[in-house]
Amino acid sequence: MPPKRMTGKQLKAIRDERGETGEEFGAYLARLVGEERSYNRQEINAWESGRRAVPAKIELALLQARR
């Protein structure tokens, strides 16, 4: 059975906990995974709403950062 993936609700809870806007959180996530460009507000919203799955590299980076 595959492991459970991070849900949009869980991602939003992390963003809310950090007190960041979608844009700010997108910049944080980009730094966390070593991306040159920030993730935009629309990408963050698509993940949080469940329209798109949270990318595995984002999930893994957040889990490592929260340890």
N, C-alpha and C. Protein backbone atom coordinates (compact mmCIF):
# COMPACT_ATOMS: atom_id res chain seq x y z
N MET A 1 0.84 -1.17 0.00
CA MET A 1 0.00 0.00 0.00
C MET A 1 0.89 1.24 0.00
N PRO A 2 0.66 2.16 -0.94
CA PRO A 2 1.52 3.36 -1.00
C PRO A 2 1.30 4.26 0.22
N PRO A 3 2.34 5.00 0.61
CA PRO A 3 2.19 5.89 1.77
C PRO A 3 1.21 7.01 1.46
N LYS A 4 0.59 7.52 2.49
CA LYS A 4 -0.35 8.64 2.32
C LYS A 4 0.42 9.89 1.94
N ARG A 5 -0.17 10.67 1.06
CA ARG A 5 0.45 11.90 0.61
C ARG A 5 -0.11 13.08 1.42
N MET A 6 0.65 14.16 1.44
CA MET A 6 0.22 15.38 2.11
C MET A 6 -1.02 15.93 1.39
N THR A 7 -2.00 16.29 2.17
CA THR A 7 -3.22 16.87 1.58
C THR A 7 -3.07 18.39 1.46
N GLY A 8 -3.98 18.97 0.67
CA GLY A 8 -4.02 20.42 0.55
C GLY A 8 -4.31 21.08 1.88
N LYS A 9 -5.19 20.45 2.68
CA LYS A 9 -5.52 20.99 4.00
C LYS A 9 -4.28 21.04 4.89
N GLN A 10 -3.47 19.99 4.82
CA GLN A 10 -2.25 19.96 5.63
C GLN A 10 -1.27 21.04 5.17
N LEU A 11 -1.16 21.22 3.85
CA LEU A 11 -0.27 22.26 3.32
C LEU A 11 -0.75 23.64 3.78
N LYS A 12 -2.06 23.87 3.69
CA LYS A 12 -2.61 25.16 4.11
C LYS A 12 -2.38 25.39 5.60
N ALA A 13 -2.50 24.33 6.39
CA ALA A 13 -2.27 24.46 7.84
C ALA A 13 -0.82 24.90 8.11
N ILE A 14 0.11 24.38 7.35
CA ILE A 14 1.51 24.78 7.52
C ILE A 14 1.68 26.25 7.14
N ARG A 15 1.06 26.65 6.03
CA ARG A 15 1.16 28.06 5.60
C ARG A 15 0.53 28.97 6.65
N ASP A 16 -0.64 28.60 7.13
CA ASP A 16 -1.33 29.40 8.15
C ASP A 16 -0.49 29.49 9.43
N GLU A 17 0.11 28.39 9.80
CA GLU A 17 0.97 28.34 10.99
C GLU A 17 2.14 29.33 10.85
N ARG A 18 2.65 29.44 9.62
CA ARG A 18 3.76 30.36 9.35
C ARG A 18 3.27 31.81 9.20
N GLY A 19 1.97 32.00 9.03
CA GLY A 19 1.41 33.35 8.90
C GLY A 19 1.80 34.02 7.59
N GLU A 20 1.89 33.24 6.52
CA GLU A 20 2.35 33.78 5.24
C GLU A 20 1.23 33.81 4.20
N THR A 21 1.36 34.76 3.27
CA THR A 21 0.47 34.80 2.11
C THR A 21 0.89 33.68 1.17
N GLY A 22 0.08 33.44 0.15
CA GLY A 22 0.45 32.45 -0.85
C GLY A 22 1.77 32.77 -1.53
N GLU A 23 1.98 34.04 -1.83
CA GLU A 23 3.23 34.47 -2.48
C GLU A 23 4.44 34.24 -1.57
N GLU A 24 4.30 34.62 -0.32
CA GLU A 24 5.40 34.44 0.64
C GLU A 24 5.72 32.95 0.84
N PHE A 25 4.67 32.15 0.95
CA PHE A 25 4.85 30.72 1.14
C PHE A 25 5.49 30.09 -0.10
N GLY A 26 5.09 30.57 -1.28
CA GLY A 26 5.69 30.08 -2.52
C GLY A 26 7.18 30.36 -2.58
N ALA A 27 7.59 31.53 -2.11
CA ALA A 27 9.02 31.87 -2.08
C ALA A 27 9.75 30.98 -1.08
N TYR A 28 9.14 30.74 0.08
CA TYR A 28 9.74 29.87 1.09
C TYR A 28 9.91 28.45 0.54
N LEU A 29 8.87 27.92 -0.10
CA LEU A 29 8.95 26.57 -0.65
C LEU A 29 10.03 26.46 -1.71
N ALA A 30 10.14 27.48 -2.55
CA ALA A 30 11.18 27.46 -3.59
C ALA A 30 12.57 27.41 -2.97
N ARG A 31 12.79 28.21 -1.93
CA ARG A 31 14.09 28.18 -1.25
C ARG A 31 14.34 26.81 -0.63
N LEU A 32 13.30 26.25 -0.06
CA LEU A 32 13.40 24.96 0.62
C LEU A 32 13.83 23.84 -0.33
N VAL A 33 13.33 23.87 -1.56
CA VAL A 33 13.65 22.80 -2.52
C VAL A 33 14.74 23.20 -3.51
N GLY A 34 15.27 24.43 -3.37
CA GLY A 34 16.36 24.86 -4.23
C GLY A 34 15.95 25.30 -5.62
N GLU A 35 14.71 25.73 -5.77
CA GLU A 35 14.23 26.24 -7.07
C GLU A 35 14.67 27.68 -7.24
N GLU A 36 14.94 28.06 -8.47
CA GLU A 36 15.34 29.44 -8.75
C GLU A 36 14.15 30.38 -8.77
N ARG A 37 13.00 29.87 -9.15
CA ARG A 37 11.80 30.73 -9.21
C ARG A 37 10.85 30.36 -8.08
N SER A 38 10.12 31.34 -7.61
CA SER A 38 9.13 31.10 -6.56
C SER A 38 7.91 30.41 -7.14
N TYR A 39 7.24 29.65 -6.32
CA TYR A 39 5.94 29.12 -6.71
C TYR A 39 4.94 30.26 -6.56
N ASN A 40 4.04 30.42 -7.52
CA ASN A 40 3.11 31.55 -7.46
C ASN A 40 1.85 31.21 -6.67
N ARG A 41 1.09 32.23 -6.41
CA ARG A 41 -0.12 32.12 -5.60
C ARG A 41 -1.10 31.10 -6.19
N GLN A 42 -1.20 31.05 -7.53
CA GLN A 42 -2.12 30.13 -8.18
C GLN A 42 -1.69 28.67 -7.96
N GLU A 43 -0.38 28.42 -7.99
CA GLU A 43 0.11 27.06 -7.74
C GLU A 43 -0.20 26.63 -6.31
N ILE A 44 0.08 27.53 -5.37
CA ILE A 44 -0.19 27.24 -3.96
C ILE A 44 -1.68 26.96 -3.76
N ASN A 45 -2.53 27.79 -4.37
CA ASN A 45 -3.97 27.62 -4.25
C ASN A 45 -4.43 26.29 -4.84
N ALA A 46 -3.87 25.90 -5.98
CA ALA A 46 -4.25 24.62 -6.61
C ALA A 46 -3.90 23.45 -5.71
N TRP A 47 -2.77 23.52 -5.03
CA TRP A 47 -2.38 22.44 -4.10
C TRP A 47 -3.28 22.44 -2.87
N GLU A 48 -3.49 23.64 -2.31
CA GLU A 48 -4.29 23.73 -1.08
C GLU A 48 -5.74 23.32 -1.31
N SER A 49 -6.28 23.60 -2.47
CA SER A 49 -7.68 23.29 -2.77
C SER A 49 -7.86 21.84 -3.20
N GLY A 50 -6.77 21.15 -3.48
CA GLY A 50 -6.86 19.76 -3.92
C GLY A 50 -7.03 19.60 -5.42
N ARG A 51 -7.02 20.71 -6.17
CA ARG A 51 -7.12 20.61 -7.63
C ARG A 51 -5.89 19.93 -8.22
N ARG A 52 -4.75 20.10 -7.55
CA ARG A 52 -3.51 19.43 -7.95
C ARG A 52 -2.88 18.83 -6.70
N ALA A 53 -2.21 17.71 -6.87
CA ALA A 53 -1.54 17.07 -5.74
C ALA A 53 -0.33 17.90 -5.31
N VAL A 54 -0.05 17.89 -4.03
CA VAL A 54 1.16 18.54 -3.52
C VAL A 54 2.35 17.75 -4.08
N PRO A 55 3.27 18.43 -4.78
CA PRO A 55 4.42 17.70 -5.33
C PRO A 55 5.22 16.99 -4.24
N ALA A 56 5.71 15.81 -4.58
CA ALA A 56 6.46 15.00 -3.61
C ALA A 56 7.67 15.75 -3.06
N LYS A 57 8.37 16.51 -3.92
CA LYS A 57 9.57 17.21 -3.43
C LYS A 57 9.20 18.30 -2.43
N ILE A 58 8.04 18.91 -2.58
CA ILE A 58 7.56 19.92 -1.61
C ILE A 58 7.23 19.22 -0.30
N GLU A 59 6.49 18.13 -0.40
CA GLU A 59 6.11 17.38 0.79
C GLU A 59 7.33 16.91 1.57
N LEU A 60 8.28 16.31 0.89
CA LEU A 60 9.48 15.81 1.56
C LEU A 60 10.28 16.93 2.21
N ALA A 61 10.44 18.05 1.49
CA ALA A 61 11.21 19.18 2.03
C ALA A 61 10.53 19.73 3.28
N LEU A 62 9.20 19.85 3.25
CA LEU A 62 8.48 20.37 4.42
C LEU A 62 8.58 19.41 5.60
N LEU A 63 8.48 18.13 5.34
CA LEU A 63 8.58 17.15 6.43
C LEU A 63 9.97 17.20 7.06
N GLN A 64 11.01 17.33 6.25
CA GLN A 64 12.37 17.41 6.77
C GLN A 64 12.58 18.71 7.55
N ALA A 65 12.03 19.82 7.05
CA ALA A 65 12.20 21.12 7.69
C ALA A 65 11.47 21.17 9.04
N ARG A 66 10.43 20.39 9.19
CA ARG A 66 9.62 20.43 10.41
C ARG A 66 10.12 19.47 11.49
N ARG A 67 11.15 18.72 11.21
CA ARG A 67 11.69 17.79 12.22
C ARG A 67 12.43 18.51 13.30
